Amino acid sequence: YVDAVKGRFTISRDNDKNTVYLEMNSLQPEDTAVYYCN
């Protein structure tokens, strides 16, 4: 994780569903952005 999101965001993946997730908690205005999967 980038330091700015440690302890607040959780990345996970489900290979059966070909899907990656980003759980974002305690969101702050500085988290405002367009989020891209890569």
Full PDB file with SEQRES, HELIX, SHEET, SSBOND, CRYST1, ORIGX, SCALE, CONECT and MASTER records, all heavy atoms in Angstrom:
SEQRES   1 A   38  TYR VAL ASP ALA VAL LYS GLY ARG PHE THR ILE SER ARG          
SEQRES   2 A   38  ASP ASN ASP LYS ASN THR VAL TYR LEU GLU MET ASN SER          
SEQRES   3 A   38  LEU GLN PRO GLU ASP THR ALA VAL TYR TYR CYS ASN              
HELIX    1 AA1 ASP A    3  VAL A    5  5                                   3    
HELIX    2 AA2 PRO A   29  ASP A   31  5                                   3    
SHEET    1 AA1 2 PHE A   9  ASP A  14  0                                        
SHEET    2 AA1 2 THR A  19  MET A  24 -1                                        
CRYST1    1.000    1.000    1.000  90.00  90.00  90.00 P 1           1          
ORIGX1      1.000000  0.000000  0.000000        0.00000                         
ORIGX2      0.000000  1.000000  0.000000        0.00000                         
ORIGX3      0.000000  0.000000  1.000000        0.00000                         
SCALE1      1.000000  0.000000  0.000000        0.00000                         
SCALE2      0.000000  1.000000  0.000000        0.00000                         
SCALE3      0.000000  0.000000  1.000000        0.00000                         
ATOM      1  N   TYR A   1       0.842  -1.191   0.000  1.00  0.00           N  
ATOM      2  CA  TYR A   1       0.000   0.000   0.000  1.00  0.00           C  
ATOM      3  C   TYR A   1       0.878   1.241   0.000  1.00  0.00           C  
ATOM      4  O   TYR A   1       1.968   1.244   0.583  1.00  0.00           O  
ATOM      5  CB  TYR A   1      -0.879   0.060   1.251  1.00  0.00           C  
ATOM      6  CG  TYR A   1      -1.884  -1.054   1.398  1.00  0.00           C  
ATOM      7  CD1 TYR A   1      -1.628  -2.140   2.240  1.00  0.00           C  
ATOM      8  CD2 TYR A   1      -3.077  -1.042   0.699  1.00  0.00           C  
ATOM      9  CE1 TYR A   1      -2.540  -3.168   2.387  1.00  0.00           C  
ATOM     10  CE2 TYR A   1      -3.999  -2.070   0.838  1.00  0.00           C  
ATOM     11  CZ  TYR A   1      -3.726  -3.129   1.674  1.00  0.00           C  
ATOM     12  OH  TYR A   1      -4.627  -4.148   1.812  1.00  0.00           O  
ATOM     13  N   VAL A   2       0.380   2.307  -0.609  1.00  0.00           N  
ATOM     14  CA  VAL A   2       1.028   3.597  -0.434  1.00  0.00           C  
ATOM     15  C   VAL A   2       0.785   4.038   1.005  1.00  0.00           C  
ATOM     16  O   VAL A   2      -0.242   3.700   1.613  1.00  0.00           O  
ATOM     17  CB  VAL A   2       0.463   4.625  -1.447  1.00  0.00           C  
ATOM     18  CG1 VAL A   2      -0.989   4.951  -1.163  1.00  0.00           C  
ATOM     19  CG2 VAL A   2       1.305   5.864  -1.478  1.00  0.00           C  
ATOM     20  N   ASP A   3       1.740   4.759   1.588  1.00  0.00           N  
ATOM     21  CA  ASP A   3       1.653   5.113   3.009  1.00  0.00           C  
ATOM     22  C   ASP A   3       0.355   5.845   3.350  1.00  0.00           C  
ATOM     23  O   ASP A   3      -0.208   5.658   4.432  1.00  0.00           O  
ATOM     24  CB  ASP A   3       2.847   5.984   3.412  1.00  0.00           C  
ATOM     25  CG  ASP A   3       4.129   5.191   3.534  1.00  0.00           C  
ATOM     26  OD1 ASP A   3       4.054   3.944   3.569  1.00  0.00           O  
ATOM     27  OD2 ASP A   3       5.203   5.797   3.587  1.00  0.00           O  
ATOM     28  N   ALA A   4      -0.139   6.657   2.427  1.00  0.00           N  
ATOM     29  CA  ALA A   4      -1.309   7.493   2.714  1.00  0.00           C  
ATOM     30  C   ALA A   4      -2.580   6.699   2.983  1.00  0.00           C  
ATOM     31  O   ALA A   4      -3.530   7.226   3.575  1.00  0.00           O  
ATOM     32  CB  ALA A   4      -1.544   8.459   1.565  1.00  0.00           C  
ATOM     33  N   VAL A   5      -2.621   5.430   2.566  1.00  0.00           N  
ATOM     34  CA  VAL A   5      -3.848   4.649   2.728  1.00  0.00           C  
ATOM     35  C   VAL A   5      -3.683   3.465   3.671  1.00  0.00           C  
ATOM     36  O   VAL A   5      -4.654   2.748   3.941  1.00  0.00           O  
ATOM     37  CB  VAL A   5      -4.393   4.163   1.371  1.00  0.00           C  
ATOM     38  CG1 VAL A   5      -4.517   5.322   0.392  1.00  0.00           C  
ATOM     39  CG2 VAL A   5      -3.536   3.047   0.784  1.00  0.00           C  
ATOM     40  N   LYS A   6      -2.473   3.253   4.179  1.00  0.00           N  
ATOM     41  CA  LYS A   6      -2.240   2.122   5.082  1.00  0.00           C  
ATOM     42  C   LYS A   6      -3.149   2.213   6.304  1.00  0.00           C  
ATOM     43  O   LYS A   6      -3.292   3.264   6.913  1.00  0.00           O  
ATOM     44  CB  LYS A   6      -0.777   2.094   5.523  1.00  0.00           C  
ATOM     45  CG  LYS A   6       0.168   1.584   4.464  1.00  0.00           C  
ATOM     46  CD  LYS A   6       1.603   1.561   4.973  1.00  0.00           C  
ATOM     47  CE  LYS A   6       2.562   1.052   3.910  1.00  0.00           C  
ATOM     48  NZ  LYS A   6       3.970   1.097   4.363  1.00  0.00           N  
ATOM     49  N   GLY A   7      -3.771   1.087   6.630  1.00  0.00           N  
ATOM     50  CA  GLY A   7      -4.675   1.043   7.772  1.00  0.00           C  
ATOM     51  C   GLY A   7      -6.095   1.465   7.451  1.00  0.00           C  
ATOM     52  O   GLY A   7      -6.992   1.295   8.278  1.00  0.00           O  
ATOM     53  N   ARG A   8      -6.313   2.031   6.271  1.00  0.00           N  
ATOM     54  CA  ARG A   8      -7.659   2.471   5.880  1.00  0.00           C  
ATOM     55  C   ARG A   8      -8.210   1.706   4.683  1.00  0.00           C  
ATOM     56  O   ARG A   8      -9.411   1.484   4.592  1.00  0.00           O  
ATOM     57  CB  ARG A   8      -7.654   3.963   5.548  1.00  0.00           C  
ATOM     58  CG  ARG A   8      -7.199   4.856   6.694  1.00  0.00           C  
ATOM     59  CD  ARG A   8      -7.411   6.324   6.358  1.00  0.00           C  
ATOM     60  NE  ARG A   8      -6.623   6.756   5.200  1.00  0.00           N  
ATOM     61  CZ  ARG A   8      -7.156   7.304   4.097  1.00  0.00           C  
ATOM     62  NH1 ARG A   8      -8.452   7.480   3.996  1.00  0.00           N  
ATOM     63  NH2 ARG A   8      -6.361   7.686   3.095  1.00  0.00           N  
ATOM     64  N   PHE A   9      -7.344   1.345   3.750  1.00  0.00           N  
ATOM     65  CA  PHE A   9      -7.754   0.653   2.527  1.00  0.00           C  
ATOM     66  C   PHE A   9      -7.307  -0.805   2.586  1.00  0.00           C  
ATOM     67  O   PHE A   9      -6.244  -1.118   3.144  1.00  0.00           O  
ATOM     68  CB  PHE A   9      -7.125   1.295   1.305  1.00  0.00           C  
ATOM     69  CG  PHE A   9      -7.645   2.665   0.951  1.00  0.00           C  
ATOM     70  CD1 PHE A   9      -8.446   3.398   1.814  1.00  0.00           C  
ATOM     71  CD2 PHE A   9      -7.325   3.229  -0.287  1.00  0.00           C  
ATOM     72  CE1 PHE A   9      -8.918   4.650   1.471  1.00  0.00           C  
ATOM     73  CE2 PHE A   9      -7.796   4.480  -0.645  1.00  0.00           C  
ATOM     74  CZ  PHE A   9      -8.585   5.195   0.249  1.00  0.00           C  
ATOM     75  N   THR A  10      -8.102  -1.671   1.948  1.00  0.00           N  
ATOM     76  CA  THR A  10      -7.758  -3.088   1.851  1.00  0.00           C  
ATOM     77  C   THR A  10      -7.981  -3.561   0.428  1.00  0.00           C  
ATOM     78  O   THR A  10      -9.081  -3.434  -0.111  1.00  0.00           O  
ATOM     79  CB  THR A  10      -8.609  -3.929   2.807  1.00  0.00           C  
ATOM     80  OG1 THR A  10      -8.437  -3.465   4.153  1.00  0.00           O  
ATOM     81  CG2 THR A  10      -8.200  -5.395   2.726  1.00  0.00           C  
ATOM     82  N   ILE A  11      -6.927  -4.110  -0.177  1.00  0.00           N  
ATOM     83  CA  ILE A  11      -7.046  -4.692  -1.507  1.00  0.00           C  
ATOM     84  C   ILE A  11      -7.186  -6.205  -1.362  1.00  0.00           C  
ATOM     85  O   ILE A  11      -6.559  -6.815  -0.486  1.00  0.00           O  
ATOM     86  CB  ILE A  11      -5.825  -4.327  -2.384  1.00  0.00           C  
ATOM     87  CG1 ILE A  11      -6.045  -4.752  -3.835  1.00  0.00           C  
ATOM     88  CG2 ILE A  11      -4.536  -4.927  -1.828  1.00  0.00           C  
ATOM     89  CD1 ILE A  11      -4.977  -4.249  -4.803  1.00  0.00           C  
ATOM     90  N   SER A  12      -8.022  -6.789  -2.211  1.00  0.00           N  
ATOM     91  CA  SER A  12      -8.206  -8.242  -2.191  1.00  0.00           C  
ATOM     92  C   SER A  12      -8.570  -8.697  -3.596  1.00  0.00           C  
ATOM     93  O   SER A  12      -8.882  -7.877  -4.467  1.00  0.00           O  
ATOM     94  CB  SER A  12      -9.289  -8.645  -1.190  1.00  0.00           C  
ATOM     95  OG  SER A  12     -10.540  -8.082  -1.544  1.00  0.00           O  
ATOM     96  N   ARG A  13      -8.524  -9.997  -3.803  1.00  0.00           N  
ATOM     97  CA  ARG A  13      -8.878 -10.540  -5.116  1.00  0.00           C  
ATOM     98  C   ARG A  13      -9.641 -11.838  -4.952  1.00  0.00           C  
ATOM     99  O   ARG A  13      -9.410 -12.601  -4.000  1.00  0.00           O  
ATOM    100  CB  ARG A  13      -7.628 -10.755  -5.969  1.00  0.00           C  
ATOM    101  CG  ARG A  13      -6.667 -11.802  -5.449  1.00  0.00           C  
ATOM    102  CD  ARG A  13      -5.345 -11.762  -6.220  1.00  0.00           C  
ATOM    103  NE  ARG A  13      -5.528 -12.100  -7.633  1.00  0.00           N  
ATOM    104  CZ  ARG A  13      -4.650 -11.788  -8.580  1.00  0.00           C  
ATOM    105  NH1 ARG A  13      -3.545 -11.130  -8.283  1.00  0.00           N  
ATOM    106  NH2 ARG A  13      -4.887 -12.151  -9.835  1.00  0.00           N  
ATOM    107  N   ASP A  14     -10.532 -12.081  -5.922  1.00  0.00           N  
ATOM    108  CA  ASP A  14     -11.287 -13.330  -5.995  1.00  0.00           C  
ATOM    109  C   ASP A  14     -11.014 -13.924  -7.371  1.00  0.00           C  
ATOM    110  O   ASP A  14     -11.574 -13.471  -8.376  1.00  0.00           O  
ATOM    111  CB  ASP A  14     -12.777 -13.057  -5.791  1.00  0.00           C  
ATOM    112  CG  ASP A  14     -13.602 -14.330  -5.736  1.00  0.00           C  
ATOM    113  OD1 ASP A  14     -13.165 -15.359  -6.287  1.00  0.00           O  
ATOM    114  OD2 ASP A  14     -14.698 -14.297  -5.156  1.00  0.00           O  
ATOM    115  N   ASN A  15     -10.142 -14.912  -7.406  1.00  0.00           N  
ATOM    116  CA  ASN A  15      -9.750 -15.491  -8.693  1.00  0.00           C  
ATOM    117  C   ASN A  15     -10.891 -16.244  -9.364  1.00  0.00           C  
ATOM    118  O   ASN A  15     -10.904 -16.401 -10.583  1.00  0.00           O  
ATOM    119  CB  ASN A  15      -8.537 -16.393  -8.514  1.00  0.00           C  
ATOM    120  CG  ASN A  15      -7.265 -15.620  -8.206  1.00  0.00           C  
ATOM    121  OD1 ASN A  15      -7.186 -14.415  -8.444  1.00  0.00           O  
ATOM    122  ND2 ASN A  15      -6.282 -16.309  -7.650  1.00  0.00           N  
ATOM    123  N   ASP A  16     -11.836 -16.727  -8.587  1.00  0.00           N  
ATOM    124  CA  ASP A  16     -12.993 -17.416  -9.188  1.00  0.00           C  
ATOM    125  C   ASP A  16     -13.886 -16.443  -9.933  1.00  0.00           C  
ATOM    126  O   ASP A  16     -14.583 -16.829 -10.883  1.00  0.00           O  
ATOM    127  CB  ASP A  16     -13.794 -18.128  -8.110  1.00  0.00           C  
ATOM    128  CG  ASP A  16     -13.040 -19.300  -7.505  1.00  0.00           C  
ATOM    129  OD1 ASP A  16     -12.174 -19.867  -8.206  1.00  0.00           O  
ATOM    130  OD2 ASP A  16     -13.306 -19.647  -6.342  1.00  0.00           O  
ATOM    131  N   LYS A  17     -13.896 -15.179  -9.502  1.00  0.00           N  
ATOM    132  CA  LYS A  17     -14.734 -14.163 -10.134  1.00  0.00           C  
ATOM    133  C   LYS A  17     -13.947 -13.208 -11.017  1.00  0.00           C  
ATOM    134  O   LYS A  17     -14.511 -12.249 -11.552  1.00  0.00           O  
ATOM    135  CB  LYS A  17     -15.476 -13.359  -9.056  1.00  0.00           C  
ATOM    136  CG  LYS A  17     -16.455 -14.183  -8.239  1.00  0.00           C  
ATOM    137  CD  LYS A  17     -17.188 -13.314  -7.218  1.00  0.00           C  
ATOM    138  CE  LYS A  17     -18.188 -14.148  -6.429  1.00  0.00           C  
ATOM    139  NZ  LYS A  17     -18.904 -13.332  -5.414  1.00  0.00           N  
ATOM    140  N   ASN A  18     -12.635 -13.458 -11.162  1.00  0.00           N  
ATOM    141  CA  ASN A  18     -11.774 -12.569 -11.969  1.00  0.00           C  
ATOM    142  C   ASN A  18     -11.929 -11.114 -11.535  1.00  0.00           C  
ATOM    143  O   ASN A  18     -11.982 -10.201 -12.375  1.00  0.00           O  
ATOM    144  CB  ASN A  18     -12.106 -12.699 -13.465  1.00  0.00           C  
ATOM    145  CG  ASN A  18     -11.587 -13.981 -14.065  1.00  0.00           C  
ATOM    146  OD1 ASN A  18     -11.084 -14.859 -13.367  1.00  0.00           O  
ATOM    147  ND2 ASN A  18     -11.718 -14.110 -15.370  1.00  0.00           N  
ATOM    148  N   THR A  19     -11.971 -10.897 -10.259  1.00  0.00           N  
ATOM    149  CA  THR A  19     -12.270  -9.572  -9.726  1.00  0.00           C  
ATOM    150  C   THR A  19     -11.284  -9.183  -8.628  1.00  0.00           C  
ATOM    151  O   THR A  19     -10.924 -10.013  -7.780  1.00  0.00           O  
ATOM    152  CB  THR A  19     -13.703  -9.524  -9.180  1.00  0.00           C  
ATOM    153  OG1 THR A  19     -14.622  -9.823 -10.242  1.00  0.00           O  
ATOM    154  CG2 THR A  19     -14.044  -8.140  -8.632  1.00  0.00           C  
ATOM    155  N   VAL A  20     -10.874  -7.919  -8.660  1.00  0.00           N  
ATOM    156  CA  VAL A  20     -10.054  -7.340  -7.599  1.00  0.00           C  
ATOM    157  C   VAL A  20     -10.875  -6.235  -6.941  1.00  0.00           C  
ATOM    158  O   VAL A  20     -11.643  -5.536  -7.606  1.00  0.00           O  
ATOM    159  CB  VAL A  20      -8.715  -6.816  -8.154  1.00  0.00           C  
ATOM    160  CG1 VAL A  20      -8.911  -5.736  -9.191  1.00  0.00           C  
ATOM    161  CG2 VAL A  20      -7.811  -6.333  -7.030  1.00  0.00           C  
ATOM    162  N   TYR A  21     -10.714  -6.117  -5.627  1.00  0.00           N  
ATOM    163  CA  TYR A  21     -11.503  -5.171  -4.850  1.00  0.00           C  
ATOM    164  C   TYR A  21     -10.595  -4.172  -4.143  1.00  0.00           C  
ATOM    165  O   TYR A  21      -9.423  -4.459  -3.858  1.00  0.00           O  
ATOM    166  CB  TYR A  21     -12.330  -5.902  -3.790  1.00  0.00           C  
ATOM    167  CG  TYR A  21     -13.254  -6.958  -4.340  1.00  0.00           C  
ATOM    168  CD1 TYR A  21     -12.879  -8.301  -4.350  1.00  0.00           C  
ATOM    169  CD2 TYR A  21     -14.502  -6.620  -4.855  1.00  0.00           C  
ATOM    170  CE1 TYR A  21     -13.723  -9.278  -4.848  1.00  0.00           C  
ATOM    171  CE2 TYR A  21     -15.354  -7.591  -5.359  1.00  0.00           C  
ATOM    172  CZ  TYR A  21     -14.960  -8.917  -5.363  1.00  0.00           C  
ATOM    173  OH  TYR A  21     -15.795  -9.881  -5.871  1.00  0.00           O  
ATOM    174  N   LEU A  22     -11.166  -3.009  -3.829  1.00  0.00           N  
ATOM    175  CA  LEU A  22     -10.495  -2.055  -2.967  1.00  0.00           C  
ATOM    176  C   LEU A  22     -11.522  -1.550  -1.966  1.00  0.00           C  
ATOM    177  O   LEU A  22     -12.440  -0.799  -2.324  1.00  0.00           O  
ATOM    178  CB  LEU A  22      -9.909  -0.883  -3.759  1.00  0.00           C  
ATOM    179  CG  LEU A  22      -9.056   0.090  -2.935  1.00  0.00           C  
ATOM    180  CD1 LEU A  22      -7.773  -0.606  -2.458  1.00  0.00           C  
ATOM    181  CD2 LEU A  22      -8.708   1.343  -3.743  1.00  0.00           C  
ATOM    182  N   GLU A  23     -11.381  -2.011  -0.735  1.00  0.00           N  
ATOM    183  CA  GLU A  23     -12.247  -1.563   0.348  1.00  0.00           C  
ATOM    184  C   GLU A  23     -11.622  -0.318   0.953  1.00  0.00           C  
ATOM    185  O   GLU A  23     -10.453  -0.347   1.395  1.00  0.00           O  
ATOM    186  CB  GLU A  23     -12.370  -2.664   1.408  1.00  0.00           C  
ATOM    187  CG  GLU A  23     -13.333  -2.353   2.535  1.00  0.00           C  
ATOM    188  CD  GLU A  23     -14.787  -2.535   2.126  1.00  0.00           C  
ATOM    189  OE1 GLU A  23     -15.078  -3.432   1.322  1.00  0.00           O  
ATOM    190  OE2 GLU A  23     -15.621  -1.756   2.632  1.00  0.00           O  
ATOM    191  N   MET A  24     -12.380   0.777   0.965  1.00  0.00           N  
ATOM    192  CA  MET A  24     -11.847   2.060   1.424  1.00  0.00           C  
ATOM    193  C   MET A  24     -12.661   2.545   2.612  1.00  0.00           C  
ATOM    194  O   MET A  24     -13.866   2.763   2.493  1.00  0.00           O  
ATOM    195  CB  MET A  24     -11.889   3.098   0.298  1.00  0.00           C  
ATOM    196  CG  MET A  24     -11.196   2.637  -0.976  1.00  0.00           C  
ATOM    197  SD  MET A  24     -11.135   3.924  -2.243  1.00  0.00           S  
ATOM    198  CE  MET A  24     -12.870   4.075  -2.619  1.00  0.00           C  
ATOM    199  N   ASN A  25     -12.001   2.692   3.747  1.00  0.00           N  
ATOM    200  CA  ASN A  25     -12.638   3.159   4.963  1.00  0.00           C  
ATOM    201  C   ASN A  25     -12.008   4.467   5.429  1.00  0.00           C  
ATOM    202  O   ASN A  25     -10.907   4.822   5.003  1.00  0.00           O  
ATOM    203  CB  ASN A  25     -12.514   2.099   6.058  1.00  0.00           C  
ATOM    204  CG  ASN A  25     -13.203   0.805   5.701  1.00  0.00           C  
ATOM    205  OD1 ASN A  25     -14.348   0.796   5.256  1.00  0.00           O  
ATOM    206  ND2 ASN A  25     -12.502  -0.309   5.883  1.00  0.00           N  
ATOM    207  N   SER A  26     -12.706   5.151   6.331  1.00  0.00           N  
ATOM    208  CA  SER A  26     -12.217   6.430   6.876  1.00  0.00           C  
ATOM    209  C   SER A  26     -11.775   7.365   5.751  1.00  0.00           C  
ATOM    210  O   SER A  26     -10.692   7.974   5.813  1.00  0.00           O  
ATOM    211  CB  SER A  26     -11.064   6.175   7.847  1.00  0.00           C  
ATOM    212  OG  SER A  26     -11.468   5.336   8.908  1.00  0.00           O  
ATOM    213  N   LEU A  27     -12.597   7.479   4.743  1.00  0.00           N  
ATOM    214  CA  LEU A  27     -12.249   8.297   3.581  1.00  0.00           C  
ATOM    215  C   LEU A  27     -12.144   9.765   3.958  1.00  0.00           C  
ATOM    216  O   LEU A  27     -12.906  10.282   4.790  1.00  0.00           O  
ATOM    217  CB  LEU A  27     -13.275   8.101   2.479  1.00  0.00           C  
ATOM    218  CG  LEU A  27     -13.119   6.790   1.696  1.00  0.00           C  
ATOM    219  CD1 LEU A  27     -14.400   6.444   0.955  1.00  0.00           C  
ATOM    220  CD2 LEU A  27     -11.947   6.880   0.737  1.00  0.00           C  
ATOM    221  N   GLN A  28     -11.194  10.426   3.323  1.00  0.00           N  
ATOM    222  CA  GLN A  28     -10.920  11.837   3.564  1.00  0.00           C  
ATOM    223  C   GLN A  28     -10.983  12.603   2.241  1.00  0.00           C  
ATOM    224  O   GLN A  28     -10.821  12.008   1.162  1.00  0.00           O  
ATOM    225  CB  GLN A  28      -9.556  12.000   4.219  1.00  0.00           C  
ATOM    226  CG  GLN A  28      -9.418  11.303   5.552  1.00  0.00           C  
ATOM    227  CD  GLN A  28     -10.445  11.780   6.569  1.00  0.00           C  
ATOM    228  OE1 GLN A  28     -10.706  12.981   6.703  1.00  0.00           O  
ATOM    229  NE2 GLN A  28     -11.032  10.841   7.293  1.00  0.00           N  
ATOM    230  N   PRO A  29     -11.184  13.918   2.303  1.00  0.00           N  
ATOM    231  CA  PRO A  29     -11.249  14.685   1.051  1.00  0.00           C  
ATOM    232  C   PRO A  29     -10.034  14.485   0.152  1.00  0.00           C  
ATOM    233  O   PRO A  29     -10.184  14.518  -1.076  1.00  0.00           O  
ATOM    234  CB  PRO A  29     -11.346  16.137   1.560  1.00  0.00           C  
ATOM    235  CG  PRO A  29     -12.053  16.027   2.873  1.00  0.00           C  
ATOM    236  CD  PRO A  29     -11.527  14.755   3.478  1.00  0.00           C  
ATOM    237  N   GLU A  30      -8.884  14.255   0.728  1.00  0.00           N  
ATOM    238  CA  GLU A  30      -7.681  14.051  -0.093  1.00  0.00           C  
ATOM    239  C   GLU A  30      -7.684  12.724  -0.837  1.00  0.00           C  
ATOM    240  O   GLU A  30      -6.810  12.493  -1.672  1.00  0.00           O  
ATOM    241  CB  GLU A  30      -6.418  14.177   0.760  1.00  0.00           C  
ATOM    242  CG  GLU A  30      -6.396  13.295   1.988  1.00  0.00           C  
ATOM    243  CD  GLU A  30      -6.881  14.035   3.243  1.00  0.00           C  
ATOM    244  OE1 GLU A  30      -7.787  14.894   3.121  1.00  0.00           O  
ATOM    245  OE2 GLU A  30      -6.364  13.718   4.330  1.00  0.00           O  
ATOM    246  N   ASP A  31      -8.653  11.860  -0.548  1.00  0.00           N  
ATOM    247  CA  ASP A  31      -8.799  10.618  -1.294  1.00  0.00           C  
ATOM    248  C   ASP A  31      -9.607  10.824  -2.574  1.00  0.00           C  
ATOM    249  O   ASP A  31      -9.739   9.889  -3.378  1.00  0.00           O  
ATOM    250  CB  ASP A  31      -9.493   9.549  -0.442  1.00  0.00           C  
ATOM    251  CG  ASP A  31      -8.672   9.148   0.771  1.00  0.00           C  
ATOM    252  OD1 ASP A  31      -7.450   8.926   0.614  1.00  0.00           O  
ATOM    253  OD2 ASP A  31      -9.248   9.043   1.870  1.00  0.00           O  
ATOM    254  N   THR A  32     -10.150  11.998  -2.764  1.00  0.00           N  
ATOM    255  CA  THR A  32     -10.918  12.298  -3.968  1.00  0.00           C  
ATOM    256  C   THR A  32     -10.045  12.165  -5.201  1.00  0.00           C  
ATOM    257  O   THR A  32      -8.981  12.790  -5.296  1.00  0.00           O  
ATOM    258  CB  THR A  32     -11.499  13.725  -3.891  1.00  0.00           C  
ATOM    259  OG1 THR A  32     -12.442  13.783  -2.819  1.00  0.00           O  
ATOM    260  CG2 THR A  32     -12.182  14.098  -5.195  1.00  0.00           C  
ATOM    261  N   ALA A  33     -10.490  11.337  -6.137  1.00  0.00           N  
ATOM    262  CA  ALA A  33      -9.711  11.055  -7.349  1.00  0.00           C  
ATOM    263  C   ALA A  33     -10.509  10.128  -8.247  1.00  0.00           C  
ATOM    264  O   ALA A  33     -11.530   9.574  -7.823  1.00  0.00           O  
ATOM    265  CB  ALA A  33      -8.378  10.404  -6.988  1.00  0.00           C  
ATOM    266  N   VAL A  34     -10.014   9.958  -9.449  1.00  0.00           N  
ATOM    267  CA  VAL A  34     -10.483   8.866 -10.295  1.00  0.00           C  
ATOM    268  C   VAL A  34      -9.597   7.662  -9.996  1.00  0.00           C  
ATOM    269  O   VAL A  34      -8.372   7.770 -10.034  1.00  0.00           O  
ATOM    270  CB  VAL A  34     -10.419   9.233 -11.786  1.00  0.00           C  
ATOM    271  CG1 VAL A  34     -10.882   8.051 -12.639  1.00  0.00           C  
ATOM    272  CG2 VAL A  34     -11.267  10.464 -12.075  1.00  0.00           C  
ATOM    273  N   TYR A  35     -10.222   6.546  -9.688  1.00  0.00           N  
ATOM    274  CA  TYR A  35      -9.510   5.324  -9.328  1.00  0.00           C  
ATOM    275  C   TYR A  35      -9.514   4.370 -10.523  1.00  0.00           C  
ATOM    276  O   TYR A  35     -10.573   4.123 -11.126  1.00  0.00           O  
ATOM    277  CB  TYR A  35     -10.154   4.673  -8.109  1.00  0.00           C  
ATOM    278  CG  TYR A  35      -9.819   5.398  -6.826  1.00  0.00           C  
ATOM    279  CD1 TYR A  35     -10.344   6.649  -6.547  1.00  0.00           C  
ATOM    280  CD2 TYR A  35      -8.938   4.829  -5.899  1.00  0.00           C  
ATOM    281  CE1 TYR A  35     -10.011   7.326  -5.383  1.00  0.00           C  
ATOM    282  CE2 TYR A  35      -8.612   5.498  -4.724  1.00  0.00           C  
ATOM    283  CZ  TYR A  35      -9.145   6.748  -4.478  1.00  0.00           C  
ATOM    284  OH  TYR A  35      -8.814   7.417  -3.327  1.00  0.00           O  
ATOM    285  N   TYR A  36      -8.325   3.842 -10.833  1.00  0.00           N  
ATOM    286  CA  TYR A  36      -8.147   2.975 -11.980  1.00  0.00           C  
ATOM    287  C   TYR A  36      -7.626   1.605 -11.556  1.00  0.00           C  
ATOM    288  O   TYR A  36      -6.721   1.504 -10.721  1.00  0.00           O  
ATOM    289  CB  TYR A  36      -7.136   3.572 -12.954  1.00  0.00           C  
ATOM    290  CG  TYR A  36      -7.530   4.883 -13.568  1.00  0.00           C  
ATOM    291  CD1 TYR A  36      -7.169   6.086 -12.980  1.00  0.00           C  
ATOM    292  CD2 TYR A  36      -8.264   4.924 -14.761  1.00  0.00           C  
ATOM    293  CE1 TYR A  36      -7.524   7.300 -13.545  1.00  0.00           C  
ATOM    294  CE2 TYR A  36      -8.621   6.132 -15.335  1.00  0.00           C  
ATOM    295  CZ  TYR A  36      -8.250   7.315 -14.718  1.00  0.00           C  
ATOM    296  OH  TYR A  36      -8.600   8.515 -15.291  1.00  0.00           O  
ATOM    297  N   CYS A  37      -8.161   0.595 -12.187  1.00  0.00           N  
ATOM    298  CA  CYS A  37      -7.675  -0.766 -12.036  1.00  0.00           C  
ATOM    299  C   CYS A  37      -6.578  -0.992 -13.081  1.00  0.00           C  
ATOM    300  O   CYS A  37      -6.672  -0.468 -14.208  1.00  0.00           O  
ATOM    301  CB  CYS A  37      -8.850  -1.705 -12.266  1.00  0.00           C  
ATOM    302  SG  CYS A  37      -8.500  -3.438 -12.122  1.00  0.00           S  
ATOM    303  N   ASN A  38      -5.580  -1.776 -12.738  1.00  0.00           N  
ATOM    304  CA  ASN A  38      -4.433  -1.952 -13.633  1.00  0.00           C  
ATOM    305  C   ASN A  38      -3.858  -3.360 -13.526  1.00  0.00           C  
ATOM    306  O   ASN A  38      -3.848  -3.965 -12.453  1.00  0.00           O  
ATOM    307  CB  ASN A  38      -3.349  -0.941 -13.263  1.00  0.00           C  
ATOM    308  CG  ASN A  38      -1.991  -1.279 -13.821  1.00  0.00           C  
ATOM    309  OD1 ASN A  38      -1.190  -1.959 -13.164  1.00  0.00           O  
ATOM    310  ND2 ASN A  38      -1.729  -0.848 -15.046  1.00  0.00           N  
TER     311      ASN A  38                                                      
MASTER        0    0    0    2    2    0    0    6  310    1    0    3          
END                                                                             
